[in-house]
C-alpha atoms as a PDB file:
ATOM      1  CA  MET A   1      -3.060 -12.869   3.752  1.00  0.00           C
ATOM      2  CA  THR A   2      -6.327 -14.395   3.033  1.00  0.00           C
ATOM      3  CA  GLN A   3      -7.593 -14.518  -0.511  1.00  0.00           C
ATOM      4  CA  GLY A   4     -10.663 -12.271  -0.912  1.00  0.00           C
ATOM      5  CA  ALA A   5      -9.942 -10.309   2.294  1.00  0.00           C
ATOM      6  CA  PHE A   6      -8.999  -7.198   0.669  1.00  0.00           C
ATOM      7  CA  SER A   7     -11.125  -5.018  -1.611  1.00  0.00           C
ATOM      8  CA  LYS A   8      -8.388  -4.909  -4.360  1.00  0.00           C
ATOM      9  CA  PRO A   9      -5.918  -7.370  -5.478  1.00  0.00           C
ATOM     10  CA  CYS A  10      -2.707  -7.489  -3.526  1.00  0.00           C
ATOM     11  CA  GLU A  11       0.256  -9.613  -2.965  1.00  0.00           C
ATOM     12  CA  PHE A  12       2.903  -9.817   0.054  1.00  0.00           C
ATOM     13  CA  ALA A  13       5.938  -7.640  -0.855  1.00  0.00           C
ATOM     14  CA  VAL A  14       7.515  -6.203   2.285  1.00  0.00           C
ATOM     15  CA  SER A  15       8.054  -6.808   5.970  1.00  0.00           C
ATOM     16  CA  LEU A  16       8.966  -3.809   8.118  1.00  0.00           C
ATOM     17  CA  ARG A  17      10.112  -3.678  11.790  1.00  0.00           C
ATOM     18  CA  TRP A  18      11.377  -0.898  13.864  1.00  0.00           C
ATOM     19  CA  GLY A  19      13.741  -0.477  16.791  1.00  0.00           C
ATOM     20  CA  TRP A  20      12.532   1.501  19.855  1.00  0.00           C
ATOM     21  CA  GLU A  21      14.204   3.682  22.281  1.00  0.00           C
ATOM     22  CA  ASN A  22      12.839   4.836  25.493  1.00  0.00           C
ATOM     23  CA  ARG A  23      13.414   8.590  26.069  1.00  0.00           C
ATOM     24  CA  GLU A  24      12.600  11.118  28.538  1.00  0.00           C
ATOM     25  CA  ASP A  25       9.819  12.416  26.367  1.00  0.00           C
ATOM     26  CA  GLY A  26       8.525   8.881  25.539  1.00  0.00           C
ATOM     27  CA  PRO A  27       9.319   6.111  23.311  1.00  0.00           C
ATOM     28  CA  ALA A  28      10.858   6.791  19.839  1.00  0.00           C
ATOM     29  CA  ILE A  29      11.522   4.821  16.642  1.00  0.00           C
ATOM     30  CA  THR A  30      15.448   4.904  16.144  1.00  0.00           C
ATOM     31  CA  HIS A  31      15.548   2.588  12.982  1.00  0.00           C
ATOM     32  CA  LEU A  32      13.722   0.646  10.597  1.00  0.00           C
ATOM     33  CA  VAL A  33      14.491  -2.728   9.127  1.00  0.00           C
ATOM     34  CA  LEU A  34      12.765  -3.851   5.744  1.00  0.00           C
ATOM     35  CA  SER A  35      12.960  -7.126   3.929  1.00  0.00           C
ATOM     36  CA  THR A  36      11.236  -7.796   0.599  1.00  0.00           C
ATOM     37  CA  ASP A  37      10.215 -11.059  -1.217  1.00  0.00           C
ATOM     38  CA  ALA A  38       8.859 -11.080  -4.756  1.00  0.00           C
ATOM     39  CA  TYR A  39       6.724 -14.404  -4.232  1.00  0.00           C
ATOM     40  CA  CYS A  40       4.189 -13.305  -6.995  1.00  0.00           C
ATOM     41  CA  LEU A  41       6.775 -12.679  -9.563  1.00  0.00           C
ATOM     42  CA  ARG A  42       8.176 -16.252  -8.600  1.00  0.00           C
ATOM     43  CA  ASP A  43       4.677 -17.825  -8.733  1.00  0.00           C
ATOM     44  CA  CYS A  44       4.092 -16.469 -12.127  1.00  0.00           C
ATOM     45  CA  ASN A  45       7.511 -17.686 -13.291  1.00  0.00           C
ATOM     46  CA  LEU A  46       8.823 -14.297 -13.960  1.00  0.00           C
ATOM     47  CA  ILE A  47      11.930 -14.718 -11.889  1.00  0.00           C
ATOM     48  CA  SER A  48      13.579 -17.804 -10.253  1.00  0.00           C
ATOM     49  CA  SER A  49      13.051 -18.760  -6.655  1.00  0.00           C
ATOM     50  CA  GLY A  50      16.503 -17.586  -5.875  1.00  0.00           C
ATOM     51  CA  GLU A  51      15.779 -14.164  -7.141  1.00  0.00           C
ATOM     52  CA  THR A  52      12.962 -13.172  -4.873  1.00  0.00           C
ATOM     53  CA  HIS A  53      14.654 -11.842  -1.553  1.00  0.00           C
ATOM     54  CA  ASN A  54      15.640  -8.165  -1.376  1.00  0.00           C
ATOM     55  CA  ARG A  55      15.872  -7.332  -5.085  1.00  0.00           C
ATOM     56  CA  SER A  56      17.177  -3.988  -5.411  1.00  0.00           C
ATOM     57  CA  THR A  57      14.136  -2.492  -7.411  1.00  0.00           C
ATOM     58  CA  ASP A  58      11.996  -3.840  -4.632  1.00  0.00           C
ATOM     59  CA  VAL A  59      14.023  -2.499  -1.797  1.00  0.00           C
ATOM     60  CA  ASP A  60      14.029   0.939  -3.626  1.00  0.00           C
ATOM     61  CA  TRP A  61      10.286   0.806  -4.079  1.00  0.00           C
ATOM     62  CA  ALA A  62       9.761  -0.162  -0.388  1.00  0.00           C
ATOM     63  CA  LYS A  63      11.928   2.680   0.762  1.00  0.00           C
ATOM     64  CA  ALA A  64      10.068   5.184  -1.188  1.00  0.00           C
ATOM     65  CA  LYS A  65       6.741   3.953   0.138  1.00  0.00           C
ATOM     66  CA  VAL A  66       7.890   4.084   3.743  1.00  0.00           C
ATOM     67  CA  ALA A  67       9.514   7.539   3.282  1.00  0.00           C
ATOM     68  CA  TRP A  68       6.064   8.633   1.874  1.00  0.00           C
ATOM     69  CA  LEU A  69       4.157   7.322   4.764  1.00  0.00           C
ATOM     70  CA  PHE A  70       6.493   8.945   7.474  1.00  0.00           C
ATOM     71  CA  HIS A  71       6.285  12.161   5.223  1.00  0.00           C
ATOM     72  CA  GLN A  72       2.288  11.924   5.455  1.00  0.00           C
ATOM     73  CA  ALA A  73       2.424  11.453   9.174  1.00  0.00           C
ATOM     74  CA  GLY A  74       4.772  14.494   9.557  1.00  0.00           C
ATOM     75  CA  VAL A  75       7.355  12.364  11.367  1.00  0.00           C
ATOM     76  CA  PRO A  76      11.078  12.496  10.745  1.00  0.00           C
ATOM     77  CA  MET A  77      12.273   9.472   8.720  1.00  0.00           C
ATOM     78  CA  PRO A  78      14.590   7.050  10.926  1.00  0.00           C
ATOM     79  CA  PRO A  79      17.427   5.223   8.999  1.00  0.00           C
ATOM     80  CA  ILE A  80      16.423   2.148   7.122  1.00  0.00           C
ATOM     81  CA  ALA A  81      18.427  -1.027   6.904  1.00  0.00           C
ATOM     82  CA  VAL A  82      17.855  -3.981   4.831  1.00  0.00           C
ATOM     83  CA  GLY A  83      17.503  -7.241   6.819  1.00  0.00           C
ATOM     84  CA  ASN A  84      17.945 -10.643   5.727  1.00  0.00           C
END
């Protein structure tokens, strides 16, 4: 992320990757793996550096946002796993 590249303030919060499977009707997403890091909270001294990774509140927030995106796209939601 480059400072000033976005029209509104933002910070890194979540990375998301997905697994694919080639099927007869074409490729399909089989699962999602997300990981969160609250770097901004650490940088503002609101949490310690050991508390940044995959906090339950951040994971819950990320899952809700991903579910909303899939709903908007009209695509069934694949299972989500939390990665390291």
